[in-house]
Amino acid sequence: MLQSQIINVLPRRILAGLWATQETRISLNHLVPSKSTNEKSQQPAATSSSFIFNELPVRYTHILRLLSTLSPDSLQSPIIRNVAHSYLRDICTLLHPSFRETSPKAISKVFSNLRQSQATNLIRLKYALLSNPTAASVALMENINTIGFGIHLLLDQHLSWDAQSSNYAQKTCPQEVAHQAVSDARKSFANAFGGDRAIPDIDIRRDTMTSRNHKTPIEQEFTFVPSILHRILYESTLLSLKAQTFHDEDIKRNLNWFQRRWRSRSNNPQNRPLSLRIFGGPTSIGFRLDAAAPLLESDLLPGIPRDPLGIPTCGHVLSSTSATTVNSPLMVEWESLSGWRSAKTLASHWGGNLDAVTVEGLGSTIYLALDRDPSLLERYPTRHALAASAHSLLRHHRRTSAVVASADSNLSIQAAATQLDAFLYAISDSQQSTFNPTPLYHHHSVSLSAAVGHA
């Protein structure tokens, strides 16, 4: 079976219980600080360390359940095995009794490492599943991203609260975030393509909602996480800037001197800046980004992280499959959320939607709609997606009774244990392990089996 210190300290019964446990979904209301009687903000329940201790192992195990839908040959991939070991190691860290008794500062340090580990795992999985994407691998990565971004959000919100930063869920000004996102996107574009390149301007306007009788502006609260809204608008803006710039340069190549002079002085639609409109109603708030150029099809397809030039990034996370800390953690965390598909997943996390309409010759429009209701629960993979886990593995091992049992979303411990054993066997090497990572949090995992052996 698995040649790893990690699995030796994690009792199978605990893992099987996590495998069968349902997630606890949260809403924005669970992330907003509450005011006590003395007007001092209290930490939101969903960002508390006790909630994260209990919830993250469940979500980590659900990602392993999704990975178990891969074929036995795919699970032997060094990248997939590395990611599986990483999640098992992180589960081990969170479950250790001594970790719960440590200082808040030490907990935040480990949570920061867990956030980096989560970002690294998502990037590695994108390289493994989307380098040559199929319909099945794209759907699998979408589900993993949904869980993965939820994990990132829980850790990020805890760390934001601990550092007293302004990134926690709160009443947000969409126009202010939009201006910052557009400014950052233009800077990133300039850094990638060089300062001598003309960068299209973006006109930002907010259409205020007015009352019927007095025509006075109506300001309604919009609760969201500023960094998430910033990232969605940033990625959308980057796509439009890139498409518009390439489109303009293609046109200029085919113009003579006279045509270029006429075009620069005329009211040609191609000369108009990009337009970002912010509007809203009583139930939602929307963004509309218009450009005269059609979006590049390659930017809308699922794929590995790339920079604005289209060059793959974070390849260094694949240069070693050891469990050592990856260099440039901030860059890794940033790149794990990059791309159009990531922006769509972030937008849909609380019932929103991000979509694009692009037509050759007519230009493109990107629509973003976000619900104002902060009580909407987060998006999570369907029960059917999780219930389908380990089917191919169990059929491979001819355990037909367990296949039938796993068709129910409410797994019994016995069925979960069977699925778990099949998965662990699939990612193991019964002859000689070529993957033997050094535990990142070994001080928390040494005596876990003894500490929870009675379970």
Protein backbone atom coordinates (compact mmCIF):
# COMPACT_ATOMS: atom_id res chain seq x y z
CA MET A 1 0.00 0.00 0.00
CA LEU A 2 0.96 3.65 0.19
CA GLN A 3 4.57 4.20 1.19
CA SER A 4 4.12 7.45 3.11
CA GLN A 5 4.48 8.69 6.66
CA ILE A 6 1.31 10.70 6.14
CA ILE A 7 -1.08 7.80 5.74
CA ASN A 8 0.56 5.95 8.62
CA VAL A 9 -0.47 8.67 11.07
CA LEU A 10 -3.99 9.16 9.73
CA PRO A 11 -6.38 6.41 10.89
CA ARG A 12 -8.51 5.11 8.02
CA ARG A 13 -11.69 5.51 10.01
CA ILE A 14 -11.16 9.24 10.35
CA LEU A 15 -10.43 9.62 6.65
CA ALA A 16 -13.46 7.52 5.74
CA GLY A 17 -15.61 9.71 7.98
CA LEU A 18 -14.35 12.84 6.22
CA TRP A 19 -14.89 11.15 2.85
CA ALA A 20 -18.58 10.66 3.68
CA THR A 21 -19.20 13.99 5.47
CA GLN A 22 -21.11 16.77 3.74
CA GLU A 23 -19.69 20.27 3.56
CA THR A 24 -21.00 23.21 5.57
CA ARG A 25 -21.82 25.91 3.06
CA ILE A 26 -21.42 29.54 4.04
CA SER A 27 -22.83 32.84 2.81
CA LEU A 28 -21.48 36.35 2.78
CA ASN A 29 -23.42 36.97 5.99
CA HIS A 30 -21.18 34.39 7.68
CA LEU A 31 -18.11 36.44 6.68
CA VAL A 32 -19.34 39.90 7.69
CA PRO A 33 -18.16 41.10 11.13
CA SER A 34 -21.02 41.65 13.55
CA LYS A 35 -21.32 44.56 15.95
CA SER A 36 -21.60 43.85 19.66
CA THR A 37 -23.37 46.05 22.20
CA ASN A 38 -20.24 48.15 22.69
CA GLU A 39 -19.90 48.68 18.91
CA LYS A 40 -16.78 46.56 18.68
CA SER A 41 -16.65 44.23 15.68
CA GLN A 42 -16.74 40.55 16.46
CA GLN A 43 -15.00 37.96 14.31
CA PRO A 44 -17.37 36.25 11.87
CA ALA A 45 -18.12 32.63 12.71
CA ALA A 46 -16.95 31.28 9.34
CA THR A 47 -13.50 32.85 9.75
CA SER A 48 -12.86 31.41 13.21
CA SER A 49 -10.06 28.89 13.55
CA SER A 50 -12.43 26.32 15.11
CA PHE A 51 -14.70 26.37 12.05
CA ILE A 52 -11.74 26.10 9.67
CA PHE A 53 -10.27 23.21 11.68
CA ASN A 54 -13.49 21.24 11.14
CA GLU A 55 -14.43 22.35 7.63
CA LEU A 56 -11.20 22.28 5.64
CA PRO A 57 -10.47 18.54 6.12
CA VAL A 58 -13.93 17.81 4.70
CA ARG A 59 -13.32 20.00 1.65
CA TYR A 60 -9.83 18.61 1.13
CA THR A 61 -11.28 15.11 1.16
CA HIS A 62 -13.98 16.10 -1.33
CA ILE A 63 -11.23 17.16 -3.75
CA LEU A 64 -9.69 13.72 -3.28
CA ARG A 65 -13.11 12.21 -4.04
CA LEU A 66 -13.22 14.16 -7.28
CA LEU A 67 -9.70 13.02 -8.17
CA SER A 68 -10.82 9.44 -7.60
CA THR A 69 -12.96 9.74 -10.75
CA LEU A 70 -9.75 9.60 -12.79
CA SER A 71 -8.59 6.33 -14.27
CA PRO A 72 -6.03 4.22 -12.37
CA ASP A 73 -3.40 5.14 -14.97
CA SER A 74 -4.07 8.86 -14.54
CA LEU A 75 -3.81 8.56 -10.76
CA GLN A 76 -0.29 7.20 -11.18
CA SER A 77 0.78 10.57 -12.60
CA PRO A 78 3.48 12.13 -10.38
CA ILE A 79 1.58 15.42 -10.31
CA ILE A 80 -1.70 13.83 -9.21
CA ARG A 81 0.06 11.74 -6.57
CA ASN A 82 1.93 14.80 -5.32
CA VAL A 83 -1.32 16.76 -4.96
CA ALA A 84 -3.02 13.85 -3.19
CA HIS A 85 -0.14 13.60 -0.70
CA SER A 86 -0.28 17.36 -0.17
CA TYR A 87 -3.96 17.24 0.77
CA LEU A 88 -3.40 14.28 3.08
CA ARG A 89 -0.57 16.17 4.74
CA ASP A 90 -2.74 19.25 5.22
CA ILE A 91 -5.56 17.13 6.67
CA CYS A 92 -3.05 15.68 9.08
CA THR A 93 -2.00 19.17 10.16
CA LEU A 94 -5.54 20.36 10.82
CA LEU A 95 -6.60 17.26 12.74
CA HIS A 96 -3.70 17.16 15.17
CA PRO A 97 -4.93 17.99 18.70
CA SER A 98 -1.86 20.06 19.59
CA PHE A 99 -2.49 22.42 16.67
CA ARG A 100 -5.81 23.52 18.15
CA GLU A 101 -4.08 24.47 21.39
CA THR A 102 -1.35 26.60 19.81
CA SER A 103 -1.22 30.40 19.77
CA PRO A 104 -3.29 32.51 17.35
CA LYS A 105 -0.09 33.79 15.75
CA ALA A 106 1.14 30.25 15.06
CA ILE A 107 -2.28 29.28 13.70
CA SER A 108 -2.23 32.21 11.29
CA LYS A 109 1.25 31.22 10.14
CA VAL A 110 0.11 27.69 9.35
CA PHE A 111 -3.06 28.99 7.67
CA SER A 112 -0.84 31.16 5.47
CA ASN A 113 1.16 28.05 4.52
CA LEU A 114 -2.08 26.17 3.85
CA ARG A 115 -3.27 28.95 1.55
CA GLN A 116 -0.01 28.72 -0.38
CA SER A 117 -0.26 24.94 -0.50
CA GLN A 118 -3.82 25.18 -1.83
CA ALA A 119 -2.74 27.61 -4.56
CA THR A 120 0.14 25.34 -5.56
CA ASN A 121 -2.16 22.32 -5.73
CA LEU A 122 -4.64 24.11 -8.00
CA ILE A 123 -1.88 25.17 -10.38
CA ARG A 124 -0.43 21.67 -10.51
CA LEU A 125 -3.85 20.19 -11.19
CA LYS A 126 -4.41 22.66 -14.03
CA TYR A 127 -1.16 21.55 -15.63
CA ALA A 128 -2.14 17.90 -15.17
CA LEU A 129 -5.75 18.18 -16.37
CA LEU A 130 -5.80 21.10 -18.82
CA SER A 131 -2.56 20.77 -20.77
CA ASN A 132 -4.54 18.59 -23.21
CA PRO A 133 -8.10 19.31 -22.10
CA THR A 134 -11.05 17.02 -22.71
CA ALA A 135 -14.69 17.55 -21.77
CA ALA A 136 -14.25 15.28 -18.76
CA SER A 137 -11.04 16.93 -17.52
CA VAL A 138 -12.51 20.43 -17.95
CA ALA A 139 -15.63 19.48 -15.94
CA LEU A 140 -13.46 17.88 -13.26
CA MET A 141 -11.22 20.96 -12.99
CA GLU A 142 -14.27 23.23 -12.77
CA ASN A 143 -15.57 21.27 -9.76
CA ILE A 144 -12.14 21.22 -8.13
CA ASN A 145 -11.80 24.98 -8.69
CA THR A 146 -15.17 25.55 -7.04
CA ILE A 147 -14.06 23.74 -3.88
CA GLY A 148 -10.53 25.12 -4.08
CA PHE A 149 -11.63 28.74 -4.27
CA GLY A 150 -13.94 28.16 -1.31
CA ILE A 151 -10.96 26.86 0.65
CA HIS A 152 -8.87 29.85 -0.39
CA LEU A 153 -11.65 32.20 0.67
CA LEU A 154 -11.98 30.73 4.16
CA LEU A 155 -8.24 30.95 4.77
CA ASP A 156 -7.96 34.39 3.20
CA GLN A 157 -10.82 35.81 5.26
CA HIS A 158 -9.32 34.46 8.48
CA LEU A 159 -5.95 36.00 7.64
CA SER A 160 -7.58 39.29 6.63
CA TRP A 161 -9.37 39.46 9.96
CA ASP A 162 -6.19 38.54 11.84
CA ALA A 163 -4.19 41.23 10.05
CA GLN A 164 -7.03 43.76 10.39
CA SER A 165 -6.87 44.42 6.66
CA SER A 166 -9.74 45.88 4.64
CA ASN A 167 -10.32 42.72 2.60
CA TYR A 168 -12.98 41.10 4.77
CA ALA A 169 -16.58 40.89 3.47
CA GLN A 170 -18.18 44.29 3.87
CA LYS A 171 -20.29 46.99 2.27
CA THR A 172 -18.44 47.58 -0.99
CA CYS A 173 -18.36 50.50 -3.43
CA PRO A 174 -18.46 48.88 -6.91
CA GLN A 175 -17.24 52.02 -8.66
CA GLU A 176 -14.19 52.37 -6.44
CA VAL A 177 -13.23 48.71 -6.92
CA ALA A 178 -13.79 49.01 -10.68
CA HIS A 179 -11.42 51.99 -10.96
CA GLN A 180 -8.73 50.10 -9.05
CA ALA A 181 -9.19 46.92 -11.11
CA VAL A 182 -8.98 48.81 -14.41
CA SER A 183 -5.89 50.72 -13.25
CA ASP A 184 -4.16 47.49 -12.18
CA ALA A 185 -5.09 45.74 -15.43
CA ARG A 186 -3.62 48.58 -17.52
CA LYS A 187 -0.41 48.50 -15.47
CA SER A 188 -0.09 44.73 -15.88
CA PHE A 189 -0.72 45.07 -19.60
CA ALA A 190 1.92 47.79 -19.91
CA ASN A 191 4.47 45.73 -17.96
CA ALA A 192 3.85 42.69 -20.14
CA PHE A 193 3.85 44.37 -23.56
CA GLY A 194 6.18 47.30 -22.93
CA GLY A 195 5.61 50.97 -22.25
CA ASP A 196 5.85 51.97 -25.94
CA ARG A 197 2.62 50.17 -26.76
CA ALA A 198 -0.56 52.23 -26.90
CA ILE A 199 -2.94 51.06 -24.20
CA PRO A 200 -6.65 51.72 -24.84
CA ASP A 201 -8.45 53.99 -22.40
CA ILE A 202 -11.44 52.72 -20.44
CA ASP A 203 -14.34 55.01 -19.66
CA ILE A 204 -15.99 54.05 -16.35
CA ARG A 205 -19.47 55.30 -15.54
CA ARG A 206 -22.07 54.37 -12.97
CA ASP A 207 -25.75 54.55 -13.81
CA THR A 208 -27.44 55.51 -10.55
CA MET A 209 -30.87 54.17 -9.73
CA THR A 210 -33.42 56.90 -8.98
CA SER A 211 -36.82 57.00 -7.29
CA ARG A 212 -39.89 57.31 -9.50
CA ASN A 213 -41.30 60.47 -7.91
CA HIS A 214 -38.31 62.64 -7.05
CA LYS A 215 -35.63 61.28 -9.38
CA THR A 216 -33.13 61.25 -6.55
CA PRO A 217 -30.31 58.68 -6.51
CA ILE A 218 -30.98 55.55 -4.49
CA GLU A 219 -27.96 54.05 -2.78
CA GLN A 220 -28.37 50.41 -1.88
CA GLU A 221 -25.98 48.28 0.09
CA PHE A 222 -23.82 45.81 -1.74
CA THR A 223 -21.97 43.33 0.44
CA PHE A 224 -19.04 41.50 -1.11
CA VAL A 225 -15.36 40.65 -0.66
CA PRO A 226 -13.41 43.55 -2.28
CA SER A 227 -10.51 41.39 -3.48
CA ILE A 228 -12.85 38.92 -5.21
CA LEU A 229 -14.74 41.67 -7.06
CA HIS A 230 -11.42 43.28 -7.97
CA ARG A 231 -10.09 40.02 -9.38
CA ILE A 232 -13.18 39.36 -11.53
CA LEU A 233 -13.08 42.86 -13.03
CA TYR A 234 -9.29 42.75 -13.40
CA GLU A 235 -9.34 39.51 -15.42
CA SER A 236 -12.24 40.75 -17.57
CA THR A 237 -10.50 44.06 -18.28
CA LEU A 238 -7.25 42.32 -19.18
CA LEU A 239 -9.04 40.23 -21.81
CA SER A 240 -10.66 43.28 -23.42
CA LEU A 241 -7.45 45.31 -23.41
CA LYS A 242 -5.52 42.50 -25.05
CA ALA A 243 -8.19 41.91 -27.70
CA GLN A 244 -8.54 45.61 -28.51
CA THR A 245 -4.78 46.18 -28.76
CA PHE A 246 -4.19 43.19 -31.04
CA HIS A 247 -7.20 44.15 -33.15
CA ASP A 248 -5.99 47.73 -33.61
CA GLU A 249 -2.49 46.61 -34.53
CA ASP A 250 -3.82 44.14 -37.12
CA ILE A 251 -5.80 46.93 -38.76
CA LYS A 252 -2.88 49.38 -38.79
CA ARG A 253 -0.65 46.85 -40.54
CA ASN A 254 -2.97 46.87 -43.55
CA LEU A 255 -3.43 50.65 -43.82
CA ASN A 256 -1.42 53.05 -45.96
CA TRP A 257 -0.25 56.44 -44.75
CA PHE A 258 -3.38 58.33 -45.89
CA GLN A 259 -5.73 55.79 -44.32
CA ARG A 260 -3.89 55.98 -41.02
CA ARG A 261 -4.15 59.80 -40.99
CA TRP A 262 -7.87 59.67 -41.78
CA ARG A 263 -8.52 57.00 -39.20
CA SER A 264 -6.73 58.94 -36.44
CA ARG A 265 -8.84 62.08 -37.11
CA SER A 266 -12.22 60.46 -37.79
CA ASN A 267 -14.87 59.32 -35.38
CA ASN A 268 -14.20 55.73 -36.24
CA PRO A 269 -15.61 53.37 -33.56
CA GLN A 270 -12.17 51.80 -33.33
CA ASN A 271 -10.86 55.08 -31.86
CA ARG A 272 -13.34 55.10 -29.01
CA PRO A 273 -12.19 53.98 -25.58
CA LEU A 274 -13.49 50.85 -23.97
CA SER A 275 -16.61 51.42 -21.93
CA LEU A 276 -17.34 50.00 -18.48
CA ARG A 277 -20.85 50.66 -17.22
CA ILE A 278 -21.93 49.95 -13.65
CA PHE A 279 -25.64 49.63 -13.05
CA GLY A 280 -27.97 47.98 -10.62
CA GLY A 281 -31.45 47.32 -9.39
CA PRO A 282 -33.09 46.29 -6.15
CA THR A 283 -31.85 42.69 -6.34
CA SER A 284 -28.56 42.77 -8.23
CA ILE A 285 -25.70 44.91 -9.44
CA GLY A 286 -24.17 44.58 -12.88
CA PHE A 287 -21.14 45.53 -14.94
CA ARG A 288 -20.96 45.82 -18.71
CA LEU A 289 -17.60 46.09 -20.46
CA ASP A 290 -17.87 46.98 -24.17
CA ALA A 291 -15.05 46.89 -26.71
CA ALA A 292 -14.96 47.36 -30.47
CA ALA A 293 -12.78 44.28 -30.88
CA PRO A 294 -13.85 40.65 -30.53
CA LEU A 295 -12.26 38.70 -27.71
CA LEU A 296 -9.57 36.17 -28.52
CA GLU A 297 -11.08 32.70 -28.49
CA SER A 298 -7.97 31.20 -26.91
CA ASP A 299 -8.39 33.45 -23.85
CA LEU A 300 -11.88 32.07 -23.19
CA LEU A 301 -10.89 28.41 -23.27
CA PRO A 302 -9.87 26.48 -20.15
CA GLY A 303 -6.14 26.10 -19.76
CA ILE A 304 -3.07 26.46 -17.61
CA PRO A 305 -2.12 29.83 -16.04
CA ARG A 306 -0.63 32.25 -18.57
CA ASP A 307 0.59 35.83 -18.53
CA PRO A 308 -0.95 38.54 -20.78
CA LEU A 309 1.46 37.52 -23.54
CA GLY A 310 0.14 33.97 -23.41
CA ILE A 311 3.31 32.47 -21.96
CA PRO A 312 2.70 29.72 -19.35
CA THR A 313 3.50 30.81 -15.81
CA CYS A 314 4.38 29.04 -12.56
CA GLY A 315 6.09 26.17 -14.34
CA HIS A 316 8.54 26.09 -11.43
CA VAL A 317 5.89 24.39 -9.28
CA LEU A 318 6.37 21.34 -11.52
CA SER A 319 10.15 21.33 -11.40
CA SER A 320 10.10 19.40 -8.13
CA THR A 321 7.48 17.12 -6.60
CA SER A 322 8.87 17.49 -3.11
CA ALA A 323 6.87 18.99 -0.26
CA THR A 324 9.22 21.88 0.29
CA THR A 325 7.92 25.43 0.27
CA VAL A 326 7.51 26.88 -3.21
CA ASN A 327 9.40 30.07 -3.99
CA SER A 328 7.46 33.32 -4.51
CA PRO A 329 4.34 32.31 -2.55
CA LEU A 330 2.51 35.53 -3.37
CA MET A 331 3.00 34.98 -7.09
CA VAL A 332 1.74 31.40 -6.81
CA GLU A 333 -1.37 32.50 -4.93
CA TRP A 334 -2.00 35.24 -7.48
CA GLU A 335 -1.58 32.91 -10.48
CA SER A 336 -3.88 30.27 -9.00
CA LEU A 337 -6.78 32.71 -9.47
CA SER A 338 -5.78 33.91 -12.93
CA GLY A 339 -7.67 33.47 -16.18
CA TRP A 340 -11.18 33.86 -17.54
CA ARG A 341 -12.39 30.50 -16.20
CA SER A 342 -11.23 31.36 -12.70
CA ALA A 343 -13.05 34.70 -12.92
CA LYS A 344 -16.25 32.90 -13.95
CA THR A 345 -15.94 30.53 -10.99
CA LEU A 346 -15.34 33.42 -8.58
CA ALA A 347 -18.34 35.28 -9.98
CA SER A 348 -20.66 32.30 -9.56
CA HIS A 349 -19.54 31.52 -6.01
CA TRP A 350 -22.49 33.38 -4.49
CA GLY A 351 -25.01 33.14 -7.27
CA GLY A 352 -23.46 35.61 -9.70
CA ASN A 353 -22.72 35.19 -13.38
CA LEU A 354 -19.93 36.28 -15.72
CA ASP A 355 -20.43 35.88 -19.44
CA ALA A 356 -19.09 37.24 -22.73
CA VAL A 357 -20.65 37.87 -26.12
CA THR A 358 -18.15 38.36 -28.93
CA VAL A 359 -18.84 38.69 -32.66
CA GLU A 360 -16.32 39.28 -35.41
CA GLY A 361 -16.86 42.74 -36.86
CA LEU A 362 -19.17 43.88 -34.08
CA GLY A 363 -16.90 43.72 -31.05
CA SER A 364 -17.43 42.18 -27.63
CA THR A 365 -19.37 42.69 -24.44
CA ILE A 366 -18.57 41.18 -21.05
CA TYR A 367 -21.43 40.99 -18.57
CA LEU A 368 -21.07 40.55 -14.83
CA ALA A 369 -24.11 40.25 -12.57
CA LEU A 370 -23.84 39.85 -8.80
CA ASP A 371 -26.73 39.27 -6.42
CA ARG A 372 -27.25 41.73 -3.57
CA ASP A 373 -28.61 39.07 -1.23
CA PRO A 374 -25.78 38.25 1.23
CA SER A 375 -27.66 35.22 2.58
CA LEU A 376 -27.17 33.14 -0.59
CA LEU A 377 -25.12 30.04 0.14
CA GLU A 378 -21.91 29.44 -1.76
CA ARG A 379 -21.80 27.29 -4.85
CA TYR A 380 -20.50 23.74 -4.46
CA PRO A 381 -20.22 20.70 -6.76
CA THR A 382 -23.47 18.79 -7.11
CA ARG A 383 -24.13 15.72 -5.02
CA HIS A 384 -24.09 13.73 -8.23
CA ALA A 385 -20.53 14.86 -9.01
CA LEU A 386 -19.30 13.76 -5.58
CA ALA A 387 -21.42 10.58 -5.56
CA ALA A 388 -19.79 9.51 -8.82
CA SER A 389 -16.39 9.36 -7.15
CA ALA A 390 -14.38 6.14 -7.28
CA HIS A 391 -16.76 4.45 -9.75
CA SER A 392 -14.03 3.67 -12.26
CA LEU A 393 -11.65 2.57 -9.51
CA LEU A 394 -14.21 0.28 -7.92
CA ARG A 395 -15.11 -1.22 -11.29
CA HIS A 396 -11.40 -1.65 -11.93
CA HIS A 397 -11.17 -3.64 -8.68
CA ARG A 398 -14.47 -5.45 -9.48
CA ARG A 399 -16.22 -4.24 -6.36
CA THR A 400 -19.67 -3.93 -7.90
CA SER A 401 -21.55 -3.79 -4.61
CA ALA A 402 -19.58 -0.76 -3.54
CA VAL A 403 -20.28 0.88 -6.89
CA VAL A 404 -23.99 0.64 -6.23
CA ALA A 405 -23.54 1.91 -2.70
CA SER A 406 -21.54 4.91 -3.86
CA ALA A 407 -24.34 6.04 -6.18
CA ASP A 408 -26.06 7.54 -3.14
CA SER A 409 -24.80 10.99 -2.14
CA ASN A 410 -25.14 10.01 1.55
CA LEU A 411 -22.34 7.50 1.85
CA SER A 412 -22.18 4.96 4.61
CA ILE A 413 -18.87 4.63 6.43
CA GLN A 414 -18.41 1.18 4.91
CA ALA A 415 -18.90 2.45 1.34
CA ALA A 416 -16.68 5.45 2.04
CA ALA A 417 -13.95 3.18 3.42
CA THR A 418 -14.15 1.02 0.30
CA GLN A 419 -13.84 4.03 -1.99
CA LEU A 420 -11.00 5.43 0.09
CA ASP A 421 -9.05 2.16 0.01
CA ALA A 422 -9.42 1.96 -3.77
CA PHE A 423 -8.18 5.53 -4.15
CA LEU A 424 -5.19 5.10 -1.83
CA TYR A 425 -4.22 1.93 -3.61
CA ALA A 426 -4.46 3.70 -6.98
CA ILE A 427 -2.05 6.47 -5.95
CA SER A 428 0.38 4.04 -4.32
CA ASP A 429 3.24 1.96 -5.66
CA SER A 430 3.16 -1.49 -4.11
CA GLN A 431 6.71 -2.31 -5.22
CA GLN A 432 8.79 0.77 -4.58
CA SER A 433 7.62 4.29 -3.87
CA THR A 434 9.15 6.89 -6.14
CA PHE A 435 7.29 9.59 -4.28
CA ASN A 436 8.27 9.99 -0.65
CA PRO A 437 7.79 13.60 0.40
CA THR A 438 9.08 15.08 3.61
CA PRO A 439 6.08 16.21 5.65
CA LEU A 440 5.77 19.98 5.64
CA TYR A 441 4.16 20.00 9.08
CA HIS A 442 5.87 17.00 10.60
CA HIS A 443 5.72 18.45 14.12
CA HIS A 444 1.94 18.19 13.99
CA SER A 445 1.74 14.72 12.45
CA VAL A 446 4.19 12.64 14.43
CA SER A 447 1.84 11.23 17.03
CA LEU A 448 -1.58 11.71 15.47
CA SER A 449 -2.39 8.00 15.34
CA ALA A 450 -1.67 7.67 19.04
CA ALA A 451 -3.63 10.79 19.89
CA VAL A 452 -6.78 9.73 18.05
CA GLY A 453 -6.34 6.00 18.06
CA HIS A 454 -9.41 5.54 20.23
CA ALA A 455 -11.55 6.93 17.43
